Amino acid sequence: MLTDTRAEVLVFGDEALISVFGELDLFTLGVLKDALEEVRAVSRVIIDLQNVSFLDCSALRHIELAARARAVDGQSVRLDHASGIVHRLIELLKLDDLRVR
């Protein structure tokens, strides 16, 4: 299935906001991977999920791995505007490090 998944990246000094739009799953994960690579040098990344209509465990797992890798370098990744279902997945998978708002 084709989707219109995309990510917009805004960098403010040493912080970045990645706003994701559409469905985020195994097949569209490249959009998020590219956006995270684009902001590799910043110390704080916020991934805004407000406009994500679907998110599966593979996408959440990638976010978790990216957050752990960045934490080693003193960087942080946080999710913002996550839906109730995403909050529940984070709770079930014990991914508290993502500090969801």
C-alpha atoms as a PDB file:
ATOM      1  CA  MET A   1       0.000   0.000   0.000  1.00  0.00           C
ATOM      2  CA  LEU A   2       1.323   3.455  -0.877  1.00  0.00           C
ATOM      3  CA  THR A   3       1.139   6.153   1.720  1.00  0.00           C
ATOM      4  CA  ASP A   4       2.047   9.798   1.818  1.00  0.00           C
ATOM      5  CA  THR A   5       4.287   9.460   4.833  1.00  0.00           C
ATOM      6  CA  ARG A   6       6.719  12.339   5.194  1.00  0.00           C
ATOM      7  CA  ALA A   7       8.760  14.114   7.815  1.00  0.00           C
ATOM      8  CA  GLU A   8       9.517  17.789   8.211  1.00  0.00           C
ATOM      9  CA  VAL A   9      12.679  18.714  10.079  1.00  0.00           C
ATOM     10  CA  LEU A  10      13.269  22.013  11.861  1.00  0.00           C
ATOM     11  CA  VAL A  11      16.563  22.702  13.614  1.00  0.00           C
ATOM     12  CA  PHE A  12      16.881  25.380  16.275  1.00  0.00           C
ATOM     13  CA  GLY A  13      20.495  25.630  17.362  1.00  0.00           C
ATOM     14  CA  ASP A  14      21.254  22.363  19.139  1.00  0.00           C
ATOM     15  CA  GLU A  15      17.650  21.089  19.104  1.00  0.00           C
ATOM     16  CA  ALA A  16      15.548  19.542  16.358  1.00  0.00           C
ATOM     17  CA  LEU A  17      11.858  18.948  15.809  1.00  0.00           C
ATOM     18  CA  ILE A  18      10.878  16.110  13.496  1.00  0.00           C
ATOM     19  CA  SER A  19       7.184  16.273  12.580  1.00  0.00           C
ATOM     20  CA  VAL A  20       5.964  13.038  11.010  1.00  0.00           C
ATOM     21  CA  PHE A  21       2.851  12.863   8.820  1.00  0.00           C
ATOM     22  CA  GLY A  22       0.989   9.730   7.694  1.00  0.00           C
ATOM     23  CA  GLU A  23       1.538   6.096   8.606  1.00  0.00           C
ATOM     24  CA  LEU A  24       4.750   5.005  10.276  1.00  0.00           C
ATOM     25  CA  ASP A  25       5.451   1.294   9.900  1.00  0.00           C
ATOM     26  CA  LEU A  26       8.048  -1.143   8.603  1.00  0.00           C
ATOM     27  CA  PHE A  27       7.496   0.008   5.015  1.00  0.00           C
ATOM     28  CA  THR A  28       7.647   3.760   5.662  1.00  0.00           C
ATOM     29  CA  LEU A  29      10.270   3.745   8.399  1.00  0.00           C
ATOM     30  CA  GLY A  30      12.883   5.092   5.978  1.00  0.00           C
ATOM     31  CA  VAL A  31      11.248   8.515   6.238  1.00  0.00           C
ATOM     32  CA  LEU A  32      11.978   8.660   9.964  1.00  0.00           C
ATOM     33  CA  LYS A  33      15.437   7.107   9.586  1.00  0.00           C
ATOM     34  CA  ASP A  34      16.394   9.789   7.056  1.00  0.00           C
ATOM     35  CA  ALA A  35      15.074  12.567   9.290  1.00  0.00           C
ATOM     36  CA  LEU A  36      16.973  11.248  12.320  1.00  0.00           C
ATOM     37  CA  GLU A  37      20.167  11.013  10.288  1.00  0.00           C
ATOM     38  CA  GLU A  38      19.672  14.601   9.121  1.00  0.00           C
ATOM     39  CA  VAL A  39      19.759  15.813  12.742  1.00  0.00           C
ATOM     40  CA  ARG A  40      22.541  13.510  13.929  1.00  0.00           C
ATOM     41  CA  ALA A  41      24.633  16.397  15.316  1.00  0.00           C
ATOM     42  CA  VAL A  42      21.992  17.979  17.573  1.00  0.00           C
ATOM     43  CA  SER A  43      21.771  17.069  21.245  1.00  0.00           C
ATOM     44  CA  ARG A  44      17.987  17.065  21.667  1.00  0.00           C
ATOM     45  CA  VAL A  45      15.436  15.628  19.232  1.00  0.00           C
ATOM     46  CA  ILE A  46      11.670  15.826  19.582  1.00  0.00           C
ATOM     47  CA  ILE A  47       9.602  13.565  17.336  1.00  0.00           C
ATOM     48  CA  ASP A  48       6.118  15.023  16.940  1.00  0.00           C
ATOM     49  CA  LEU A  49       3.539  12.294  16.245  1.00  0.00           C
ATOM     50  CA  GLN A  50       0.471  14.536  16.174  1.00  0.00           C
ATOM     51  CA  ASN A  51      -0.164  13.875  12.477  1.00  0.00           C
ATOM     52  CA  VAL A  52       0.682  10.165  12.494  1.00  0.00           C
ATOM     53  CA  SER A  53      -2.401   8.126  11.674  1.00  0.00           C
ATOM     54  CA  PHE A  54      -0.789   4.737  12.335  1.00  0.00           C
ATOM     55  CA  LEU A  55       2.346   3.588  14.142  1.00  0.00           C
ATOM     56  CA  ASP A  56       3.424  -0.038  14.508  1.00  0.00           C
ATOM     57  CA  CYS A  57       5.872  -1.775  16.825  1.00  0.00           C
ATOM     58  CA  SER A  58       8.691  -1.731  14.260  1.00  0.00           C
ATOM     59  CA  ALA A  59       8.553   2.066  14.144  1.00  0.00           C
ATOM     60  CA  LEU A  60       8.408   2.306  17.916  1.00  0.00           C
ATOM     61  CA  ARG A  61      11.324  -0.103  18.206  1.00  0.00           C
ATOM     62  CA  HIS A  62      13.401   2.000  15.802  1.00  0.00           C
ATOM     63  CA  ILE A  63      12.648   5.113  17.841  1.00  0.00           C
ATOM     64  CA  GLU A  64      13.693   3.279  20.995  1.00  0.00           C
ATOM     65  CA  LEU A  65      16.985   2.124  19.449  1.00  0.00           C
ATOM     66  CA  ALA A  66      17.711   5.618  18.141  1.00  0.00           C
ATOM     67  CA  ALA A  67      17.026   7.067  21.591  1.00  0.00           C
ATOM     68  CA  ARG A  68      19.348   4.551  23.266  1.00  0.00           C
ATOM     69  CA  ALA A  69      22.130   5.147  20.732  1.00  0.00           C
ATOM     70  CA  ARG A  70      21.895   8.897  21.187  1.00  0.00           C
ATOM     71  CA  ALA A  71      21.817   8.590  24.988  1.00  0.00           C
ATOM     72  CA  VAL A  72      25.291   7.035  24.851  1.00  0.00           C
ATOM     73  CA  ASP A  73      26.489  10.316  23.301  1.00  0.00           C
ATOM     74  CA  GLY A  74      24.604  12.443  25.847  1.00  0.00           C
ATOM     75  CA  GLN A  75      21.818  13.225  23.372  1.00  0.00           C
ATOM     76  CA  SER A  76      18.090  12.762  23.918  1.00  0.00           C
ATOM     77  CA  VAL A  77      15.032  11.757  21.917  1.00  0.00           C
ATOM     78  CA  ARG A  78      11.509  12.460  23.111  1.00  0.00           C
ATOM     79  CA  LEU A  79       8.114  11.786  21.593  1.00  0.00           C
ATOM     80  CA  ASP A  80       5.509  14.508  21.590  1.00  0.00           C
ATOM     81  CA  HIS A  81       1.761  14.403  20.879  1.00  0.00           C
ATOM     82  CA  ALA A  82       1.626  10.619  20.922  1.00  0.00           C
ATOM     83  CA  SER A  83      -1.820   9.037  20.827  1.00  0.00           C
ATOM     84  CA  GLY A  84      -3.263   7.015  23.671  1.00  0.00           C
ATOM     85  CA  ILE A  85      -2.479   3.791  21.843  1.00  0.00           C
ATOM     86  CA  VAL A  86       1.172   4.794  21.450  1.00  0.00           C
ATOM     87  CA  HIS A  87       1.317   5.628  25.167  1.00  0.00           C
ATOM     88  CA  ARG A  88      -0.096   2.182  25.900  1.00  0.00           C
ATOM     89  CA  LEU A  89       2.466   0.470  23.631  1.00  0.00           C
ATOM     90  CA  ILE A  90       5.261   2.348  25.383  1.00  0.00           C
ATOM     91  CA  GLU A  91       3.883   1.223  28.729  1.00  0.00           C
ATOM     92  CA  LEU A  92       3.516  -2.414  27.642  1.00  0.00           C
ATOM     93  CA  LEU A  93       6.981  -2.508  26.085  1.00  0.00           C
ATOM     94  CA  LYS A  94       8.491  -0.682  29.076  1.00  0.00           C
ATOM     95  CA  LEU A  95      10.019   2.082  26.953  1.00  0.00           C
ATOM     96  CA  ASP A  96       9.866   4.750  29.633  1.00  0.00           C
ATOM     97  CA  ASP A  97      13.086   6.332  28.366  1.00  0.00           C
ATOM     98  CA  LEU A  98      11.181   7.943  25.504  1.00  0.00           C
ATOM     99  CA  ARG A  99       9.605  10.458  27.902  1.00  0.00           C
ATOM    100  CA  VAL A 100       6.395  10.866  25.971  1.00  0.00           C
ATOM    101  CA  ARG A 101       4.327  14.009  26.349  1.00  0.00           C
END
